[in-house]
N, C-alpha and C. Protein backbone atom coordinates (compact mmCIF):
# COMPACT_ATOMS: atom_id res chain seq x y z
N UNK A 1 92.95 92.61 110.04
CA UNK A 1 91.74 92.31 110.44
C UNK A 1 91.76 91.60 111.86
N UNK A 2 92.59 92.12 112.74
CA UNK A 2 92.83 91.46 113.96
C UNK A 2 91.56 91.42 114.82
N UNK A 3 91.19 90.37 115.42
CA UNK A 3 90.04 90.25 116.17
C UNK A 3 88.68 89.99 115.49
N UNK A 4 88.79 89.92 114.23
CA UNK A 4 87.60 89.65 113.37
C UNK A 4 87.86 88.26 112.70
N UNK A 5 86.81 87.41 112.87
CA UNK A 5 87.00 86.08 112.30
C UNK A 5 86.30 86.05 110.87
N UNK A 6 87.21 85.96 109.85
CA UNK A 6 86.75 86.01 108.43
C UNK A 6 87.32 84.80 107.69
N UNK A 7 86.64 84.38 106.66
CA UNK A 7 87.20 83.37 105.88
C UNK A 7 88.43 83.93 105.11
N UNK A 8 89.39 83.07 104.70
CA UNK A 8 90.60 83.66 103.97
C UNK A 8 90.24 84.58 102.85
N UNK A 9 89.38 84.16 102.09
CA UNK A 9 89.07 84.94 100.86
C UNK A 9 88.44 86.33 101.29
N UNK A 10 87.52 86.40 102.20
CA UNK A 10 87.00 87.70 102.66
C UNK A 10 88.04 88.43 103.35
N UNK A 11 88.90 87.89 104.14
CA UNK A 11 89.92 88.64 104.75
C UNK A 11 90.92 89.24 103.75
N UNK A 12 91.27 88.51 102.72
CA UNK A 12 92.11 89.04 101.69
C UNK A 12 91.50 90.35 101.01
N UNK A 13 90.25 90.23 100.73
CA UNK A 13 89.53 91.39 100.08
C UNK A 13 89.48 92.52 101.03
N UNK A 14 89.15 92.24 102.30
CA UNK A 14 89.07 93.26 103.21
C UNK A 14 90.47 93.99 103.48
N UNK A 15 91.51 93.26 103.40
CA UNK A 15 92.83 93.74 103.58
C UNK A 15 93.24 94.54 102.41
N UNK A 16 92.80 94.14 101.20
CA UNK A 16 92.99 95.02 99.93
C UNK A 16 92.36 96.36 100.06
N UNK A 17 91.16 96.38 100.55
CA UNK A 17 90.30 97.57 100.70
C UNK A 17 90.90 98.50 101.76
N UNK A 18 91.43 97.98 102.82
CA UNK A 18 92.11 98.79 103.88
C UNK A 18 93.41 99.38 103.30
N UNK A 19 94.18 98.56 102.46
CA UNK A 19 95.35 99.12 101.84
C UNK A 19 95.03 100.25 100.89
N UNK A 20 93.87 100.16 100.13
CA UNK A 20 93.59 101.20 99.17
C UNK A 20 93.28 102.48 99.98
N UNK A 21 92.56 102.30 101.14
CA UNK A 21 92.27 103.51 101.89
C UNK A 21 93.59 104.14 102.40
N UNK A 22 94.49 103.30 102.83
CA UNK A 22 95.78 103.82 103.43
C UNK A 22 96.61 104.41 102.40
N UNK A 23 96.51 104.02 101.13
CA UNK A 23 97.37 104.50 100.00
C UNK A 23 96.75 105.73 99.30
N UNK A 24 95.51 106.06 99.68
CA UNK A 24 94.81 107.17 99.05
C UNK A 24 95.72 108.49 99.11
N UNK A 25 95.85 109.10 98.00
CA UNK A 25 96.74 110.27 97.97
C UNK A 25 95.99 111.55 97.90
N UNK A 26 94.66 111.54 98.05
CA UNK A 26 93.81 112.76 98.14
C UNK A 26 92.57 112.45 98.82
N UNK A 27 91.82 113.46 99.32
CA UNK A 27 90.68 113.24 100.14
C UNK A 27 89.59 112.51 99.20
N UNK A 28 89.56 112.88 97.98
CA UNK A 28 88.58 112.23 97.06
C UNK A 28 88.81 110.80 96.93
N UNK A 29 90.05 110.39 96.72
CA UNK A 29 90.42 108.97 96.54
C UNK A 29 90.18 108.32 97.87
N UNK A 30 90.44 108.89 99.06
CA UNK A 30 90.16 108.21 100.34
C UNK A 30 88.72 108.05 100.47
N UNK A 31 87.83 109.03 100.10
CA UNK A 31 86.44 108.89 100.31
C UNK A 31 85.83 107.84 99.40
N UNK A 32 86.45 107.79 98.13
CA UNK A 32 85.90 106.69 97.20
C UNK A 32 86.31 105.28 97.75
N UNK A 33 87.55 105.16 98.22
CA UNK A 33 88.00 103.91 98.80
C UNK A 33 87.11 103.45 100.01
N UNK A 34 86.77 104.50 100.82
CA UNK A 34 85.92 104.12 101.99
C UNK A 34 84.55 103.79 101.59
N UNK A 35 84.03 104.35 100.53
CA UNK A 35 82.70 104.04 99.99
C UNK A 35 82.72 102.61 99.40
N UNK A 36 83.83 102.27 98.74
CA UNK A 36 83.95 100.93 98.26
C UNK A 36 83.94 99.92 99.31
N UNK A 37 84.63 100.23 100.39
CA UNK A 37 84.73 99.28 101.50
C UNK A 37 83.29 99.13 102.13
N UNK A 38 82.71 100.23 102.29
CA UNK A 38 81.26 100.26 102.86
C UNK A 38 80.42 99.38 102.04
N UNK A 39 80.47 99.48 100.69
CA UNK A 39 79.69 98.60 99.75
C UNK A 39 80.11 97.13 99.88
N UNK A 40 81.34 96.92 100.11
CA UNK A 40 81.75 95.45 100.31
C UNK A 40 81.13 94.85 101.50
N UNK A 41 81.06 95.68 102.62
CA UNK A 41 80.41 95.21 103.94
C UNK A 41 78.96 95.06 103.67
N UNK A 42 78.29 96.02 102.95
CA UNK A 42 76.89 95.91 102.68
C UNK A 42 76.56 94.65 101.88
N UNK A 43 77.43 94.32 101.01
CA UNK A 43 77.19 93.11 100.23
C UNK A 43 77.24 91.84 101.05
N UNK A 44 78.18 91.88 102.00
CA UNK A 44 78.33 90.74 102.90
C UNK A 44 77.16 90.62 103.79
N UNK A 45 76.73 91.82 104.24
CA UNK A 45 75.53 91.85 105.10
C UNK A 45 74.36 91.42 104.42
N UNK A 46 74.11 91.86 103.22
CA UNK A 46 72.90 91.54 102.46
C UNK A 46 72.84 90.04 102.10
N UNK A 47 74.03 89.48 101.93
CA UNK A 47 74.07 87.97 101.53
C UNK A 47 73.95 87.06 102.70
N UNK A 48 74.09 87.69 103.86
CA UNK A 48 74.10 86.83 105.09
C UNK A 48 75.33 86.08 105.37
N UNK A 49 76.35 86.51 104.66
CA UNK A 49 77.67 85.68 104.75
C UNK A 49 78.31 85.87 106.17
N UNK A 50 77.93 86.86 106.92
CA UNK A 50 78.59 86.97 108.21
C UNK A 50 77.60 87.31 109.28
N UNK A 51 77.81 87.15 110.55
CA UNK A 51 76.78 87.45 111.59
C UNK A 51 76.82 89.01 111.82
N UNK A 52 75.84 89.43 112.44
CA UNK A 52 75.70 90.89 112.68
C UNK A 52 76.84 91.50 113.52
N UNK A 53 77.34 90.75 114.45
CA UNK A 53 78.53 91.34 115.20
C UNK A 53 79.77 91.62 114.32
N UNK A 54 79.96 90.69 113.45
CA UNK A 54 81.16 90.78 112.57
C UNK A 54 80.94 91.82 111.51
N UNK A 55 79.72 91.95 111.08
CA UNK A 55 79.41 93.07 110.09
C UNK A 55 79.61 94.39 110.78
N UNK A 56 79.16 94.60 112.01
CA UNK A 56 79.39 95.78 112.78
C UNK A 56 80.84 96.16 112.95
N UNK A 57 81.62 95.12 113.29
CA UNK A 57 83.02 95.27 113.43
C UNK A 57 83.68 95.83 112.18
N UNK A 58 83.31 95.20 110.99
CA UNK A 58 83.80 95.60 109.71
C UNK A 58 83.48 97.05 109.43
N UNK A 59 82.18 97.45 109.56
CA UNK A 59 81.88 98.77 109.38
C UNK A 59 82.76 99.82 110.22
N UNK A 60 82.95 99.47 111.46
CA UNK A 60 83.78 100.26 112.41
C UNK A 60 85.19 100.35 111.87
N UNK A 61 85.81 99.19 111.51
CA UNK A 61 87.21 99.24 111.00
C UNK A 61 87.35 100.06 109.84
N UNK A 62 86.45 99.96 108.83
CA UNK A 62 86.59 100.66 107.56
C UNK A 62 86.30 102.17 107.83
N UNK A 63 85.29 102.45 108.75
CA UNK A 63 85.01 103.87 109.02
C UNK A 63 86.14 104.56 109.67
N UNK A 64 86.81 103.89 110.66
CA UNK A 64 87.91 104.55 111.33
C UNK A 64 89.04 104.68 110.38
N UNK A 65 89.40 103.66 109.55
CA UNK A 65 90.48 103.83 108.54
C UNK A 65 90.22 104.97 107.62
N UNK A 66 88.97 105.14 107.18
CA UNK A 66 88.71 106.15 106.25
C UNK A 66 88.75 107.53 106.93
N UNK A 67 88.29 107.67 108.12
CA UNK A 67 88.30 108.91 108.85
C UNK A 67 89.74 109.26 109.17
N UNK A 68 90.53 108.40 109.56
CA UNK A 68 91.96 108.67 109.88
C UNK A 68 92.72 109.13 108.66
N UNK A 69 92.46 108.41 107.48
CA UNK A 69 93.20 108.82 106.28
C UNK A 69 92.67 110.21 105.90
N UNK A 70 91.39 110.45 105.94
CA UNK A 70 90.86 111.85 105.53
C UNK A 70 91.53 112.88 106.41
N UNK A 71 91.59 112.68 107.66
CA UNK A 71 92.25 113.57 108.65
C UNK A 71 93.75 113.83 108.29
N UNK A 72 94.38 112.79 107.85
CA UNK A 72 95.90 112.90 107.59
C UNK A 72 96.03 113.71 106.30
N UNK A 73 94.99 113.69 105.36
CA UNK A 73 95.14 114.35 104.15
C UNK A 73 94.53 115.77 104.12
N UNK A 74 93.92 116.15 105.22
CA UNK A 74 93.24 117.45 105.33
C UNK A 74 94.31 118.57 105.31
N UNK A 75 94.05 119.65 104.67
CA UNK A 75 95.01 120.76 104.76
C UNK A 75 95.04 121.31 106.16
N UNK A 76 96.21 121.75 106.52
CA UNK A 76 96.39 122.30 107.94
C UNK A 76 95.87 123.78 107.96
């Protein structure tokens, strides 16, 4: 989570979600992990736990990670 200021607990959870996306062994698992990460950010946003800029950064980080993993798993 370089460049994003998060509390240690939120950062640990975010790192776990990124790891799940990276470890996904199928497109379905990657999509589910990405959806889980999006839900995590939505929860943070809804609770007002982070400012809008940080929320936007998290959405981008998880979206890029999910897209990259899906591309790497796509059949050639």
